[in-house]
Amino acid sequence: MNTTTLTDYQYLQDLSTSLSLGGKKRRVQIVMPEKLVQLIDKVFPNVDRSTLVSQAFTDLLLHKHRIVDPVLEDWVSEEQYNADEMETYLIEREKDV
């Protein structure tokens, strides 16, 4: 795995986090079918469409990076495994307290 791929992936992870906190950088106009817009508004009535689209594309790019680079997928899997192990440990520790 090269450093650029990992850097891009980390940037997308950070972007994904920042999108949940707000902050738009550029304006892009997107044309969507009317039915799709209606469904989005129905399912996510209190969420800005720009935020939804930005988050969806960020997730798509993160997924694409993991598919293109199997080493990155292994790294992501290991990170998730470690996070799951920590969560299990903390839950068990809370039960003992």
N, C-alpha and C. Protein backbone atom coordinates (compact mmCIF):
# COMPACT_ATOMS: atom_id res chain seq x y z
N MET A 1 0.86 -1.17 0.00
CA MET A 1 0.00 0.00 0.00
C MET A 1 0.91 1.23 0.00
N ASN A 2 0.61 2.17 -0.90
CA ASN A 2 1.45 3.36 -0.93
C ASN A 2 0.91 4.43 0.01
N THR A 3 1.75 5.38 0.32
CA THR A 3 1.41 6.42 1.28
C THR A 3 0.29 7.31 0.78
N THR A 4 0.25 7.56 -0.52
CA THR A 4 -0.79 8.41 -1.09
C THR A 4 -2.17 7.81 -0.87
N THR A 5 -2.30 6.51 -1.08
CA THR A 5 -3.59 5.84 -0.88
C THR A 5 -4.03 5.96 0.56
N LEU A 6 -3.12 5.72 1.48
CA LEU A 6 -3.45 5.82 2.90
C LEU A 6 -3.79 7.25 3.27
N THR A 7 -3.06 8.21 2.73
CA THR A 7 -3.35 9.62 3.00
C THR A 7 -4.72 10.01 2.47
N ASP A 8 -5.03 9.58 1.24
CA ASP A 8 -6.36 9.86 0.66
C ASP A 8 -7.45 9.23 1.51
N TYR A 9 -7.22 8.00 1.93
CA TYR A 9 -8.22 7.30 2.73
C TYR A 9 -8.44 8.03 4.06
N GLN A 10 -7.35 8.44 4.70
CA GLN A 10 -7.48 9.14 5.97
C GLN A 10 -8.18 10.48 5.78
N TYR A 11 -7.88 11.16 4.67
CA TYR A 11 -8.56 12.42 4.36
C TYR A 11 -10.06 12.19 4.24
N LEU A 12 -10.45 11.13 3.53
CA LEU A 12 -11.88 10.83 3.37
C LEU A 12 -12.53 10.49 4.71
N GLN A 13 -11.80 9.78 5.56
CA GLN A 13 -12.32 9.48 6.90
C GLN A 13 -12.54 10.77 7.68
N ASP A 14 -11.57 11.66 7.63
CA ASP A 14 -11.69 12.94 8.32
C ASP A 14 -12.83 13.77 7.74
N LEU A 15 -12.96 13.74 6.41
CA LEU A 15 -14.04 14.47 5.75
C LEU A 15 -15.40 13.92 6.18
N SER A 16 -15.48 12.60 6.27
CA SER A 16 -16.72 11.97 6.71
C SER A 16 -17.11 12.46 8.10
N THR A 17 -16.12 12.56 8.98
CA THR A 17 -16.37 13.06 10.33
C THR A 17 -16.79 14.52 10.30
N SER A 18 -16.08 15.32 9.52
CA SER A 18 -16.39 16.75 9.49
C SER A 18 -17.75 17.03 8.86
N LEU A 19 -18.17 16.18 7.93
CA LEU A 19 -19.49 16.38 7.32
C LEU A 19 -20.60 16.26 8.35
N SER A 20 -20.39 15.39 9.30
CA SER A 20 -21.41 15.23 10.33
C SER A 20 -21.46 16.46 11.25
N LEU A 21 -20.39 17.24 11.25
CA LEU A 21 -20.34 18.44 12.07
C LEU A 21 -20.70 19.70 11.29
N GLY A 22 -20.85 19.59 9.99
CA GLY A 22 -21.22 20.73 9.14
C GLY A 22 -20.01 21.33 8.46
N GLY A 23 -20.24 22.42 7.76
CA GLY A 23 -19.14 23.11 7.08
C GLY A 23 -19.04 22.74 5.62
N LYS A 24 -19.54 23.61 4.74
CA LYS A 24 -19.49 23.36 3.31
C LYS A 24 -18.35 24.17 2.71
N LYS A 25 -17.66 23.58 1.76
CA LYS A 25 -16.52 24.24 1.15
C LYS A 25 -16.83 24.78 -0.25
N ARG A 26 -17.55 24.03 -1.07
CA ARG A 26 -17.86 24.44 -2.43
C ARG A 26 -19.31 24.16 -2.74
N ARG A 27 -19.81 24.88 -3.70
CA ARG A 27 -21.19 24.69 -4.11
C ARG A 27 -21.22 23.96 -5.44
N VAL A 28 -22.00 22.88 -5.52
CA VAL A 28 -22.16 22.10 -6.74
C VAL A 28 -23.65 21.88 -6.95
N GLN A 29 -24.09 22.08 -8.16
CA GLN A 29 -25.51 21.85 -8.46
C GLN A 29 -25.66 20.45 -9.04
N ILE A 30 -26.61 19.70 -8.50
CA ILE A 30 -26.86 18.33 -8.93
C ILE A 30 -28.30 18.21 -9.40
N VAL A 31 -28.49 17.57 -10.53
CA VAL A 31 -29.83 17.33 -11.05
C VAL A 31 -30.20 15.89 -10.71
N MET A 32 -31.36 15.72 -10.05
CA MET A 32 -31.84 14.39 -9.67
C MET A 32 -33.28 14.23 -10.14
N PRO A 33 -33.68 12.98 -10.35
CA PRO A 33 -35.09 12.75 -10.68
C PRO A 33 -35.98 13.24 -9.53
N GLU A 34 -37.13 13.78 -9.88
CA GLU A 34 -38.04 14.34 -8.88
C GLU A 34 -38.45 13.30 -7.84
N LYS A 35 -38.69 12.08 -8.29
CA LYS A 35 -39.09 11.02 -7.36
C LYS A 35 -38.00 10.76 -6.31
N LEU A 36 -36.74 10.78 -6.75
CA LEU A 36 -35.64 10.58 -5.82
C LEU A 36 -35.59 11.69 -4.77
N VAL A 37 -35.78 12.92 -5.20
CA VAL A 37 -35.79 14.05 -4.27
C VAL A 37 -36.93 13.90 -3.27
N GLN A 38 -38.09 13.48 -3.75
CA GLN A 38 -39.24 13.28 -2.85
C GLN A 38 -38.95 12.19 -1.82
N LEU A 39 -38.34 11.10 -2.27
CA LEU A 39 -38.00 10.01 -1.34
C LEU A 39 -36.97 10.47 -0.31
N ILE A 40 -35.97 11.21 -0.76
CA ILE A 40 -34.96 11.72 0.17
C ILE A 40 -35.61 12.61 1.21
N ASP A 41 -36.47 13.52 0.76
CA ASP A 41 -37.14 14.43 1.69
C ASP A 41 -38.06 13.69 2.65
N LYS A 42 -38.66 12.60 2.18
CA LYS A 42 -39.57 11.83 3.02
C LYS A 42 -38.79 11.04 4.08
N VAL A 43 -37.70 10.41 3.67
CA VAL A 43 -36.92 9.57 4.58
C VAL A 43 -36.06 10.41 5.53
N PHE A 44 -35.55 11.53 5.05
CA PHE A 44 -34.69 12.40 5.85
C PHE A 44 -35.29 13.81 5.89
N PRO A 45 -36.41 13.99 6.59
CA PRO A 45 -37.11 15.28 6.53
C PRO A 45 -36.34 16.46 7.14
N ASN A 46 -35.51 16.23 8.09
CA ASN A 46 -34.83 17.33 8.78
C ASN A 46 -33.33 17.40 8.48
N VAL A 47 -32.92 16.77 7.36
CA VAL A 47 -31.50 16.76 7.01
C VAL A 47 -31.32 17.46 5.66
N ASP A 48 -30.32 18.31 5.61
CA ASP A 48 -30.00 19.03 4.38
C ASP A 48 -29.56 18.06 3.29
N ARG A 49 -30.12 18.19 2.09
CA ARG A 49 -29.76 17.29 0.98
C ARG A 49 -28.28 17.35 0.65
N SER A 50 -27.69 18.52 0.74
CA SER A 50 -26.26 18.65 0.44
C SER A 50 -25.43 17.78 1.38
N THR A 51 -25.81 17.77 2.64
CA THR A 51 -25.10 16.95 3.61
C THR A 51 -25.25 15.47 3.27
N LEU A 52 -26.46 15.07 2.91
CA LEU A 52 -26.70 13.67 2.55
C LEU A 52 -25.89 13.25 1.33
N VAL A 53 -25.89 14.08 0.31
CA VAL A 53 -25.15 13.76 -0.92
C VAL A 53 -23.65 13.73 -0.64
N SER A 54 -23.15 14.69 0.12
CA SER A 54 -21.72 14.72 0.45
C SER A 54 -21.32 13.48 1.24
N GLN A 55 -22.14 13.10 2.21
CA GLN A 55 -21.84 11.92 3.01
C GLN A 55 -21.88 10.66 2.16
N ALA A 56 -22.87 10.57 1.26
CA ALA A 56 -22.99 9.39 0.40
C ALA A 56 -21.76 9.25 -0.52
N PHE A 57 -21.32 10.36 -1.11
CA PHE A 57 -20.15 10.30 -1.98
C PHE A 57 -18.88 10.00 -1.20
N THR A 58 -18.76 10.54 -0.01
CA THR A 58 -17.60 10.25 0.83
C THR A 58 -17.56 8.76 1.16
N ASP A 59 -18.70 8.20 1.56
CA ASP A 59 -18.76 6.77 1.86
C ASP A 59 -18.44 5.93 0.63
N LEU A 60 -18.94 6.36 -0.53
CA LEU A 60 -18.67 5.65 -1.78
C LEU A 60 -17.18 5.65 -2.10
N LEU A 61 -16.52 6.80 -1.94
CA LEU A 61 -15.08 6.88 -2.19
C LEU A 61 -14.28 6.05 -1.19
N LEU A 62 -14.69 6.05 0.07
CA LEU A 62 -14.02 5.21 1.07
C LEU A 62 -14.13 3.74 0.67
N HIS A 63 -15.31 3.33 0.26
CA HIS A 63 -15.54 1.95 -0.16
C HIS A 63 -14.68 1.62 -1.38
N LYS A 64 -14.63 2.53 -2.34
CA LYS A 64 -13.84 2.33 -3.56
C LYS A 64 -12.36 2.15 -3.23
N HIS A 65 -11.82 2.97 -2.33
CA HIS A 65 -10.41 2.83 -1.93
C HIS A 65 -10.15 1.46 -1.32
N ARG A 66 -11.08 0.97 -0.52
CA ARG A 66 -10.88 -0.34 0.12
C ARG A 66 -10.91 -1.46 -0.90
N ILE A 67 -11.73 -1.34 -1.93
CA ILE A 67 -11.82 -2.39 -2.95
C ILE A 67 -10.57 -2.38 -3.84
N VAL A 68 -10.11 -1.20 -4.21
CA VAL A 68 -8.97 -1.07 -5.12
C VAL A 68 -7.68 -1.56 -4.46
N ASP A 69 -7.53 -1.35 -3.17
CA ASP A 69 -6.29 -1.69 -2.47
C ASP A 69 -6.57 -2.70 -1.37
N PRO A 70 -6.31 -4.00 -1.64
CA PRO A 70 -6.59 -5.03 -0.63
C PRO A 70 -5.83 -4.84 0.68
N VAL A 71 -4.64 -4.25 0.62
CA VAL A 71 -3.88 -4.00 1.85
C VAL A 71 -4.63 -3.00 2.72
N LEU A 72 -5.21 -2.00 2.08
CA LEU A 72 -6.00 -1.01 2.81
C LEU A 72 -7.22 -1.68 3.45
N GLU A 73 -7.84 -2.60 2.73
CA GLU A 73 -8.98 -3.32 3.29
C GLU A 73 -8.55 -4.10 4.53
N ASP A 74 -7.38 -4.73 4.47
CA ASP A 74 -6.86 -5.46 5.64
C ASP A 74 -6.64 -4.51 6.81
N TRP A 75 -6.08 -3.34 6.51
CA TRP A 75 -5.82 -2.34 7.55
C TRP A 75 -7.13 -1.88 8.18
N VAL A 76 -8.13 -1.60 7.34
CA VAL A 76 -9.44 -1.15 7.84
C VAL A 76 -10.08 -2.25 8.68
N SER A 77 -9.98 -3.49 8.21
CA SER A 77 -10.55 -4.62 8.97
C SER A 77 -9.88 -4.76 10.33
N GLU A 78 -8.56 -4.60 10.35
CA GLU A 78 -7.84 -4.69 11.62
C GLU A 78 -8.24 -3.56 12.56
N GLU A 79 -8.37 -2.35 12.03
CA GLU A 79 -8.80 -1.21 12.85
C GLU A 79 -10.19 -1.46 13.43
N GLN A 80 -11.10 -1.99 12.60
CA GLN A 80 -12.46 -2.28 13.07
C GLN A 80 -12.44 -3.37 14.13
N TYR A 81 -11.61 -4.40 13.91
CA TYR A 81 -11.49 -5.48 14.89
C TYR A 81 -11.01 -4.93 16.23
N ASN A 82 -9.99 -4.07 16.18
CA ASN A 82 -9.48 -3.47 17.42
C ASN A 82 -10.54 -2.62 18.12
N ALA A 83 -11.31 -1.88 17.34
CA ALA A 83 -12.38 -1.06 17.92
C ALA A 83 -13.45 -1.95 18.56
N ASP A 84 -13.78 -3.04 17.89
CA ASP A 84 -14.77 -3.97 18.43
C ASP A 84 -14.27 -4.62 19.72
N GLU A 85 -13.00 -4.99 19.74
CA GLU A 85 -12.41 -5.58 20.94
C GLU A 85 -12.44 -4.60 22.11
N MET A 86 -12.12 -3.34 21.83
CA MET A 86 -12.13 -2.32 22.88
C MET A 86 -13.54 -2.11 23.40
N GLU A 87 -14.52 -2.08 22.49
CA GLU A 87 -15.91 -1.91 22.92
C GLU A 87 -16.35 -3.07 23.80
N THR A 88 -16.01 -4.29 23.41
CA THR A 88 -16.36 -5.47 24.20
C THR A 88 -15.71 -5.39 25.58
N TYR A 89 -14.44 -5.01 25.62
CA TYR A 89 -13.72 -4.87 26.88
C TYR A 89 -14.40 -3.84 27.78
N LEU A 90 -14.76 -2.70 27.22
CA LEU A 90 -15.38 -1.64 28.02
C LEU A 90 -16.76 -2.06 28.54
N ILE A 91 -17.51 -2.76 27.73
CA ILE A 91 -18.83 -3.24 28.16
C ILE A 91 -18.68 -4.22 29.31
N GLU A 92 -17.73 -5.15 29.18
CA GLU A 92 -17.48 -6.12 30.25
C GLU A 92 -16.99 -5.43 31.52
N ARG A 93 -16.15 -4.44 31.37
CA ARG A 93 -15.64 -3.70 32.52
C ARG A 93 -16.75 -2.95 33.24
N GLU A 94 -17.69 -2.38 32.48
CA GLU A 94 -18.82 -1.68 33.10
C GLU A 94 -19.70 -2.65 33.88
N LYS A 95 -19.84 -3.87 33.39
CA LYS A 95 -20.65 -4.87 34.10
C LYS A 95 -20.02 -5.23 35.44
N ASP A 96 -18.69 -5.24 35.49
CA ASP A 96 -17.98 -5.61 36.72
C ASP A 96 -17.99 -4.50 37.76
N VAL A 97 -18.28 -3.28 37.36
CA VAL A 97 -18.23 -2.15 38.29
C VAL A 97 -19.46 -2.05 39.10
